[in-house]
Protein backbone atom coordinates (compact mmCIF):
# COMPACT_ATOMS: atom_id res chain seq x y z
CA MET A 1 -41.11 125.20 129.97
CA THR A 2 -39.80 128.29 131.72
CA THR A 3 -41.34 131.72 131.29
CA SER A 4 -38.24 133.05 129.56
CA SER A 5 -38.11 130.22 126.99
CA SER A 6 -41.83 130.64 126.31
CA SER A 7 -41.30 134.36 125.72
CA ARG A 8 -38.43 133.66 123.37
CA LYS A 9 -40.62 131.24 121.43
CA ARG A 10 -43.37 133.83 121.07
CA ILE A 11 -40.80 136.38 119.90
CA PHE A 12 -39.44 133.96 117.27
CA VAL A 13 -42.98 133.15 116.10
CA LYS A 14 -43.80 136.84 115.74
CA LEU A 15 -40.49 137.45 114.00
CA GLY A 16 -41.20 134.58 111.62
CA TRP A 17 -44.65 135.93 110.85
CA GLY A 18 -43.18 139.40 110.30
CA ILE A 19 -40.51 138.14 107.93
CA GLY A 20 -43.09 136.00 106.15
CA ALA A 21 -45.40 139.00 105.73
CA VAL A 22 -42.59 141.12 104.33
CA LEU A 23 -41.56 138.36 101.92
CA PHE A 24 -45.20 137.92 100.89
CA VAL A 25 -45.60 141.63 100.12
CA VAL A 26 -42.29 141.74 98.24
CA GLY A 27 -43.25 138.61 96.32
CA MET A 28 -46.62 140.07 95.40
CA TYR A 29 -44.97 143.28 94.24
CA PHE A 30 -42.42 141.53 92.07
CA GLY A 31 -45.10 139.18 90.78
CA ALA A 32 -47.30 142.14 89.79
CA MET A 33 -44.33 143.84 88.15
CA GLN A 34 -43.39 140.70 86.22
CA TYR A 35 -47.01 140.20 85.11
CA TRP A 36 -47.26 143.83 83.95
CA MET A 37 -44.03 143.53 81.97
CA TRP A 38 -45.16 140.23 80.43
CA LYS A 39 -48.62 141.53 79.59
CA TRP A 40 -47.46 144.58 77.64
CA ASP A 41 -44.35 143.01 76.10
CA THR A 42 -45.88 139.71 75.01
CA PRO A 43 -48.39 139.62 72.12
CA HIS A 44 -51.22 137.19 72.70
CA THR A 45 -54.17 138.06 70.41
CA PRO A 46 -54.26 136.81 66.79
CA LEU A 47 -54.13 139.55 64.18
CA PRO A 48 -57.20 139.73 61.91
CA THR A 49 -57.11 137.52 58.86
CA ASN A 50 -55.83 139.35 55.78
CA HIS A 51 -55.04 142.50 57.76
CA LEU A 52 -52.18 143.12 55.33
CA SER A 53 -54.57 143.30 52.40
CA HIS A 54 -55.08 146.96 53.30
CA GLN A 55 -52.66 149.04 51.22
CA ASP A 56 -52.15 152.66 50.25
CA LEU A 57 -49.80 153.91 47.55
CA ALA A 58 -49.11 157.55 46.70
CA ASN A 59 -48.92 158.83 43.15
CA VAL A 60 -45.41 159.39 41.77
CA SER A 61 -44.14 160.80 38.50
CA GLU A 62 -44.35 158.54 35.46
CA GLY A 63 -40.64 157.78 35.40
CA TYR A 64 -40.78 156.17 38.83
CA ILE A 65 -43.96 154.06 38.68
CA GLU A 66 -42.05 150.79 38.34
CA LEU A 67 -39.71 151.69 41.20
CA SER A 68 -42.69 152.66 43.34
CA ASP A 69 -44.46 149.36 42.66
CA ASN A 70 -41.32 147.35 43.37
CA ALA A 71 -40.63 149.22 46.60
CA GLN A 72 -44.21 148.66 47.74
CA GLN A 73 -43.93 144.93 47.08
CA GLU A 74 -40.66 144.77 49.02
CA MET A 75 -42.33 146.38 52.02
CA ILE A 76 -45.40 144.14 51.78
CA ALA A 77 -43.14 141.08 51.64
CA LEU A 78 -41.34 142.14 54.81
CA ALA A 79 -44.59 143.04 56.59
CA THR A 80 -45.93 139.60 55.66
CA GLU A 81 -42.78 137.84 56.85
CA LEU A 82 -42.81 139.70 60.18
CA GLN A 83 -46.62 139.75 60.43
CA SER A 84 -46.39 143.44 61.19
CA VAL A 85 -49.51 145.27 62.32
CA SER A 86 -48.72 147.94 59.75
CA MET A 87 -45.75 149.45 57.96
CA SER A 88 -45.28 152.73 56.14
CA GLY A 89 -42.40 153.94 54.01
CA ALA A 90 -41.30 156.63 51.58
CA MET A 91 -38.30 157.50 49.45
CA ILE A 92 -37.12 160.62 47.63
CA LYS A 93 -34.46 160.53 44.92
CA GLU A 94 -32.97 163.69 43.46
CA GLY A 95 -35.86 165.74 44.81
CA ASN A 96 -38.56 163.45 43.40
CA LEU A 97 -40.94 161.37 45.50
CA VAL A 98 -40.30 157.94 44.00
CA TRP A 99 -42.34 155.93 46.49
CA ALA A 100 -44.67 156.36 49.44
CA GLY A 101 -46.90 153.57 50.64
CA SER A 102 -48.38 151.71 53.58
CA VAL A 103 -49.72 148.27 54.39
CA GLY A 104 -51.75 146.93 57.30
CA LEU A 105 -53.84 148.49 60.05
CA ALA A 106 -53.23 151.73 61.89
CA ASN A 107 -55.82 150.64 64.45
CA VAL A 108 -56.60 146.95 64.86
CA GLU A 109 -59.53 147.38 67.26
CA GLN A 110 -61.38 149.70 64.89
CA ALA A 111 -60.06 148.07 61.69
CA ILE A 112 -58.65 151.39 60.43
CA PRO A 113 -56.20 150.89 57.56
CA ALA A 114 -52.84 152.61 57.63
CA SER A 115 -52.23 155.23 54.95
CA VAL A 116 -49.34 157.38 53.80
CA ASP A 117 -50.77 160.06 56.11
CA THR A 118 -50.72 157.87 59.23
CA GLN A 119 -48.56 159.25 62.04
CA TYR A 120 -46.22 156.91 63.89
CA ARG A 121 -44.01 157.28 66.91
CA VAL A 122 -40.48 157.75 65.60
CA GLY A 123 -38.65 157.04 68.86
CA SER A 124 -35.03 158.13 68.79
CA VAL A 125 -35.36 159.52 65.27
CA SER A 126 -36.58 162.46 67.38
CA LYS A 127 -32.90 163.04 68.25
CA ALA A 128 -32.06 163.64 64.58
CA ILE A 129 -34.89 166.16 64.27
CA THR A 130 -33.81 167.84 67.51
CA ALA A 131 -30.30 168.13 66.09
CA VAL A 132 -31.65 169.96 63.04
CA VAL A 133 -33.48 172.39 65.34
CA LEU A 134 -30.26 172.84 67.31
CA MET A 135 -28.22 173.64 64.20
CA ARG A 136 -30.86 176.09 63.00
CA MET A 137 -30.45 177.84 66.35
CA VAL A 138 -26.68 177.86 65.84
CA GLU A 139 -27.12 179.51 62.44
CA GLU A 140 -29.38 182.15 63.95
CA GLY A 141 -26.92 182.88 66.75
CA LEU A 142 -29.30 181.71 69.47
CA ILE A 143 -26.99 179.11 71.01
CA ASP A 144 -23.30 178.31 71.22
CA LEU A 145 -22.55 174.59 70.93
CA ASP A 146 -19.39 174.88 73.01
CA ALA A 147 -20.52 177.24 75.73
CA PRO A 148 -21.13 175.82 79.22
CA ILE A 149 -24.80 174.97 79.61
CA GLN A 150 -24.82 177.04 82.81
CA ARG A 151 -24.89 180.09 80.53
CA TYR A 152 -28.48 179.06 79.68
CA LEU A 153 -29.46 177.01 82.76
CA PRO A 154 -27.59 178.58 85.67
CA ASP A 155 -29.61 176.65 88.26
CA TYR A 156 -29.09 173.17 86.81
CA PRO A 157 -27.48 171.26 89.70
CA ARG A 158 -25.12 169.15 87.61
CA ALA A 159 -24.04 171.96 85.29
CA ARG A 160 -20.26 172.15 84.99
CA GLY A 161 -18.04 174.44 83.04
CA ASP A 162 -17.16 171.73 80.55
CA MET A 163 -20.67 170.34 79.87
CA THR A 164 -21.84 171.75 76.55
CA ALA A 165 -24.67 171.41 74.05
CA ARG A 166 -22.23 169.68 71.70
CA GLN A 167 -21.46 167.05 74.34
CA LEU A 168 -25.15 166.53 75.07
CA ALA A 169 -25.98 166.16 71.36
CA SER A 170 -23.17 163.62 70.87
CA HIS A 171 -23.82 161.62 74.10
CA MET A 172 -20.53 162.70 75.65
CA ALA A 173 -21.83 164.72 78.61
CA GLY A 174 -22.13 161.83 81.08
CA VAL A 175 -25.90 162.07 81.63
CA ARG A 176 -27.45 158.68 82.31
CA HIS A 177 -29.97 156.87 80.11
CA TYR A 178 -33.14 155.14 81.38
CA GLN A 179 -32.77 153.52 84.77
CA PHE A 180 -34.51 150.57 86.41
CA ASP A 181 -35.77 151.34 89.88
CA LEU A 182 -37.47 148.46 91.69
CA THR A 183 -38.98 150.81 94.26
CA ARG A 184 -41.44 152.28 91.76
CA PHE A 185 -43.98 151.03 89.26
CA PRO A 186 -43.46 150.84 86.32
CA PRO A 187 -39.86 150.03 87.23
CA THR A 188 -38.14 152.27 84.67
CA ASP A 189 -38.41 155.90 83.60
CA GLY A 190 -38.48 154.64 80.01
CA TYR A 191 -42.19 153.84 80.49
CA SER A 192 -43.29 157.11 82.02
CA ASN A 193 -46.92 158.16 81.83
CA HIS A 194 -46.45 161.37 83.78
CA GLU A 195 -47.27 164.73 82.19
CA TYR A 196 -44.40 167.24 82.31
CA GLU A 197 -45.33 170.80 81.45
CA SER A 198 -42.03 171.54 79.72
CA SER A 199 -38.56 170.20 78.97
CA ILE A 200 -37.24 172.05 82.01
CA ALA A 201 -39.83 170.36 84.26
CA ALA A 202 -38.78 166.97 82.83
CA LEU A 203 -35.29 167.48 84.25
CA ASP A 204 -36.68 166.33 87.61
CA GLN A 205 -36.26 162.73 86.40
CA PHE A 206 -32.46 162.82 86.60
CA LYS A 207 -31.09 166.26 87.46
CA CYS A 208 -29.91 165.20 90.94
CA ASP A 209 -28.27 161.95 89.76
CA ASP A 210 -24.53 161.56 89.47
CA LEU A 211 -22.94 161.81 86.05
CA LEU A 212 -21.58 158.61 84.54
CA PHE A 213 -18.28 160.34 83.80
CA ALA A 214 -16.87 163.84 83.60
CA PRO A 215 -18.26 165.66 80.54
CA GLY A 216 -16.18 164.96 77.46
CA GLN A 217 -14.43 161.96 79.03
CA GLY A 218 -16.58 159.15 77.68
CA PHE A 219 -19.54 158.11 75.54
CA ALA A 220 -22.91 156.89 76.86
CA TYR A 221 -26.06 156.97 74.74
CA SER A 222 -28.64 158.96 76.68
CA THR A 223 -32.19 160.01 75.93
CA HIS A 224 -32.18 162.00 79.16
CA GLY A 225 -29.17 163.85 77.78
CA TYR A 226 -31.42 165.03 74.96
CA THR A 227 -34.05 166.15 77.46
CA LEU A 228 -31.37 168.29 79.09
CA LEU A 229 -30.31 169.52 75.64
CA SER A 230 -33.90 170.54 74.88
CA ALA A 231 -34.10 172.43 78.17
CA VAL A 232 -30.93 174.30 77.23
CA MET A 233 -32.42 175.04 73.81
CA GLN A 234 -35.68 176.19 75.39
CA ALA A 235 -33.81 178.58 77.68
CA ALA A 236 -31.59 179.83 74.86
CA GLY A 237 -34.51 180.30 72.45
CA GLY A 238 -36.83 181.93 74.95
CA LYS A 239 -39.79 179.66 74.15
CA ARG A 240 -40.82 176.10 74.84
CA PHE A 241 -38.93 173.46 72.96
CA GLU A 242 -41.97 172.23 71.00
CA ALA A 243 -42.45 175.76 69.60
CA LEU A 244 -38.83 175.78 68.43
CA ILE A 245 -39.47 172.56 66.50
CA ASP A 246 -42.44 174.14 64.75
CA GLU A 247 -40.85 177.50 64.00
CA LEU A 248 -37.37 176.37 62.98
CA VAL A 249 -38.00 173.04 61.23
CA ALA A 250 -41.59 171.84 60.79
CA ILE A 251 -43.14 175.00 59.34
CA PRO A 252 -40.25 176.09 57.06
CA SER A 253 -39.90 172.50 55.82
CA GLY A 254 -43.61 171.99 55.20
CA LEU A 255 -43.82 169.08 57.63
CA SER A 256 -47.55 168.92 58.28
CA SER A 257 -47.58 165.81 60.48
CA THR A 258 -44.51 166.11 62.72
CA TYR A 259 -45.38 167.00 66.31
CA ALA A 260 -44.71 166.25 69.94
CA GLU A 261 -47.17 163.43 70.60
CA HIS A 262 -48.30 164.72 73.98
CA LEU A 263 -49.43 168.03 72.40
CA LEU A 264 -51.52 166.54 69.59
CA THR A 265 -54.92 168.21 69.44
CA SER A 266 -56.27 165.40 67.25
CA THR A 267 -55.27 161.74 67.13
CA GLU A 268 -57.27 160.85 64.04
CA GLN A 269 -54.11 160.34 61.99
CA LEU A 270 -52.17 158.70 64.83
CA ALA A 271 -51.66 154.95 64.74
CA ASN A 272 -52.33 152.76 67.74
CA PHE A 273 -49.23 151.03 69.04
CA TYR A 274 -48.68 147.34 69.65
CA THR A 275 -46.30 144.52 70.36
CA SER A 276 -46.45 142.01 67.52
CA ASP A 277 -44.81 138.73 66.66
CA ASP A 278 -45.71 135.62 64.67
CA GLY A 279 -49.22 136.81 63.80
CA LEU A 280 -50.05 137.89 67.37
CA TYR A 281 -50.43 141.37 68.80
CA GLY A 282 -50.88 143.06 72.14
CA VAL A 283 -51.88 146.61 73.03
CA THR A 284 -49.13 148.61 74.71
CA PRO A 285 -49.80 150.60 77.90
CA GLU A 286 -50.60 154.27 77.75
CA GLN A 287 -47.57 156.52 77.51
CA ASN A 288 -47.06 160.22 77.95
CA LEU A 289 -43.90 161.10 76.08
CA SER A 290 -43.52 164.58 77.56
CA ASN A 291 -40.64 163.18 79.63
CA LYS A 292 -38.49 162.77 76.49
CA VAL A 293 -39.79 164.95 73.66
CA ALA A 294 -36.38 165.72 72.17
CA GLY A 295 -35.01 162.22 72.46
CA GLY A 296 -38.05 160.07 71.75
CA GLY A 297 -41.35 161.92 71.93
CA LEU A 298 -42.14 162.96 68.37
CA VAL A 299 -44.58 161.49 65.86
CA SER A 300 -44.32 161.87 62.11
CA THR A 301 -45.06 160.24 58.78
CA SER A 302 -42.62 158.59 56.41
CA THR A 303 -43.36 161.28 53.81
CA ASP A 304 -42.58 164.09 56.28
CA LEU A 305 -39.28 162.48 57.18
CA VAL A 306 -38.06 162.01 53.61
CA LYS A 307 -39.10 165.58 52.80
CA LEU A 308 -36.90 166.76 55.68
CA GLY A 309 -34.06 164.54 54.49
CA ALA A 310 -34.23 165.87 50.94
CA LEU A 311 -34.13 169.47 52.19
CA LEU A 312 -31.07 168.70 54.28
CA LEU A 313 -29.23 167.11 51.35
CA ASN A 314 -30.00 170.01 49.05
CA GLY A 315 -29.33 173.00 51.26
CA GLY A 316 -32.99 173.88 51.70
CA LEU A 317 -32.84 174.08 55.49
CA LEU A 318 -29.22 174.23 56.69
CA GLN A 319 -26.12 175.71 55.15
CA THR A 320 -23.70 173.11 53.78
CA SER A 321 -21.12 173.88 56.45
CA THR A 322 -23.74 173.54 59.19
CA LEU A 323 -24.94 170.19 57.84
CA THR A 324 -21.35 168.99 57.70
CA GLU A 325 -20.77 169.98 61.31
CA MET A 326 -23.97 168.22 62.39
CA VAL A 327 -23.12 164.87 60.78
CA THR A 328 -19.37 164.84 61.44
CA VAL A 329 -18.54 162.00 63.83
CA GLN A 330 -17.46 163.55 67.12
CA PRO A 331 -14.05 162.42 68.41
CA MET A 332 -13.48 161.02 71.89
CA PHE A 333 -11.23 162.84 74.35
CA ASP A 334 -8.24 160.88 73.08
CA GLY A 335 -8.98 161.67 69.42
CA SER A 336 -10.43 158.23 68.59
CA GLU A 337 -13.83 157.78 66.93
CA ASN A 338 -16.74 157.29 69.30
CA PRO A 339 -18.18 153.74 69.43
CA GLN A 340 -21.43 154.56 67.61
CA SER A 341 -20.01 156.77 64.82
CA TYR A 342 -22.23 159.48 66.29
CA GLY A 343 -22.23 163.09 65.15
CA LEU A 344 -24.75 165.55 66.54
CA GLY A 345 -28.02 163.62 66.52
CA TRP A 346 -27.04 161.35 63.62
CA ARG A 347 -24.92 158.26 63.02
CA HIS A 348 -22.59 158.56 60.03
CA TYR A 349 -20.41 155.91 58.40
CA GLU A 350 -19.88 153.83 55.28
CA THR A 351 -21.81 150.58 54.90
CA SER A 352 -21.33 147.53 52.71
CA ARG A 353 -24.94 146.43 53.18
CA ILE A 354 -26.33 148.33 50.23
CA PHE A 355 -23.91 146.71 47.78
CA ASP A 356 -20.87 144.82 49.10
CA GLU A 357 -17.48 145.21 50.79
CA ASN A 358 -15.96 146.52 47.59
CA ASN A 359 -18.65 149.16 47.12
CA LYS A 360 -19.31 150.85 50.43
CA VAL A 361 -21.82 153.68 50.56
CA ASP A 362 -21.75 156.71 52.86
CA ILE A 363 -24.94 156.90 54.97
CA ILE A 364 -26.30 159.29 57.59
CA HIS A 365 -29.10 157.84 59.70
CA HIS A 366 -30.90 157.26 62.95
CA GLY A 367 -33.19 154.50 64.12
CA GLY A 368 -35.90 154.66 66.72
CA VAL A 369 -37.51 152.21 69.14
CA SER A 370 -40.52 153.40 71.07
CA VAL A 371 -43.30 151.72 73.00
CA GLY A 372 -45.19 149.88 70.27
CA ALA A 373 -43.22 151.28 67.34
CA ASN A 374 -40.00 151.14 65.34
CA ALA A 375 -38.52 153.62 62.88
CA PHE A 376 -35.54 154.03 60.56
CA PHE A 377 -34.56 157.20 58.69
CA MET A 378 -31.57 157.43 56.34
CA LEU A 379 -29.87 159.92 54.04
CA VAL A 380 -27.56 158.79 51.22
CA PRO A 381 -25.72 161.96 50.10
CA GLU A 382 -23.75 160.47 47.20
CA TYR A 383 -26.95 159.46 45.42
CA ASP A 384 -29.26 162.20 46.78
CA ILE A 385 -31.64 159.64 48.27
CA THR A 386 -33.54 159.71 51.53
CA VAL A 387 -35.71 156.88 52.85
CA ALA A 388 -37.86 156.27 55.94
CA ILE A 389 -39.63 153.16 57.23
CA LEU A 390 -42.07 153.22 60.17
CA THR A 391 -44.07 150.52 61.97
CA ASN A 392 -46.63 150.44 64.78
CA GLY A 393 -45.71 146.98 66.06
CA LYS A 394 -42.62 146.37 68.17
CA GLY A 395 -41.61 142.84 67.24
CA GLN A 396 -38.33 141.13 68.13
CA ARG A 397 -36.97 141.39 64.60
CA SER A 398 -38.67 144.47 63.21
CA ARG A 399 -36.02 147.04 64.18
CA GLY A 400 -33.18 145.37 62.28
CA GLU A 401 -35.31 144.17 59.41
CA ILE A 402 -36.73 147.58 58.51
CA GLN A 403 -33.17 148.90 58.37
CA MET A 404 -32.25 146.14 55.95
CA LEU A 405 -35.37 146.97 53.91
CA ALA A 406 -34.17 150.57 53.66
CA TYR A 407 -30.82 149.34 52.31
CA ARG A 408 -32.55 147.20 49.66
CA LEU A 409 -34.80 150.07 48.57
CA VAL A 410 -31.85 152.42 48.23
CA ARG A 411 -30.06 149.89 46.06
CA MET A 412 -33.15 149.60 43.87
CA ALA A 413 -33.29 153.38 43.52
CA ILE A 414 -29.60 153.63 42.68
CA GLU A 415 -29.79 150.91 40.03
CA GLN A 416 -32.83 152.37 38.31
CA PRO A 417 -31.70 155.00 35.75
């Protein structure tokens, strides 16, 4: 063998080892990522026997005791079917609390029962609450829905003359949603555990990214869009976004358990959060929701949510014209209805699922999916009913099923004199 051929062989061997090492490292990385995703997203530990025997039921006025009992049994039946870790719900009709109850465990490891005072992550229901704060600011003259956001955030790099708070609130500004990035771990900004000191600081996640489309020229659901909206609100209001929630909505509405999770000073009322399916559960990884307070970082109780809903329906928080503007479905650039029947922070349409195709009911609502939790919050203006269902177990079916439970409970409330 010549010297040159021997050298080439050594080069090929080294190259092969180098490629093999790179492939090994990449394989280990993707293997670790896949294991992490499987571990937190796949329940594997059996739930305690009879964990759903733990129940709490609030007192209601005498005329609604039967409705309260029936609603509680409906929720228990669904929790049993889904083998939920816990479930909490409440309903107000014509200003009266007609049901509030819970079933299951707020904390499996410590065997702490859920109660009507247990706080849950409400996921994207946070957007509906943010929209109420926004409209309160509009009423007080603190912000203009149709002004360019550069009026409030002049240094925002993607600010354009036609990007407005209205477009951000209706998902028409072109800001992206969560993004998978295989170069980091965890591989998506939807699972962030980083502490951001404010909504403006949280803009670092996406502020240099391209827009999906020119503002006003499309529709793309975006939690990051709500983070940008909250930064605009913070700048317009002259105080951090969480303080605006307290001062403009939580305090005047008497919401004693609705907060930004990352600012909780006590977690005694806060549920633990799990994946759950078929009688199994798994603990979700730690999350710091300061990256998305306005779009998915709030915690609340079912009773707080229905109290807020009742105030909205009865003019106790927003003027009628302001409420109408908030829930009016925003048109696309060509005048057509947007694909999610989305207003400002709320979905709004008629549904046949409460009764049937011949008896559609107008509903205003938002659902929420968070790490280890699901939520559904709905207003029914025609019948002056508001209902909320919350869970601390993110099962495959729980999101859709709690929405269907809310429909059944509203029908029960309508049919009871």
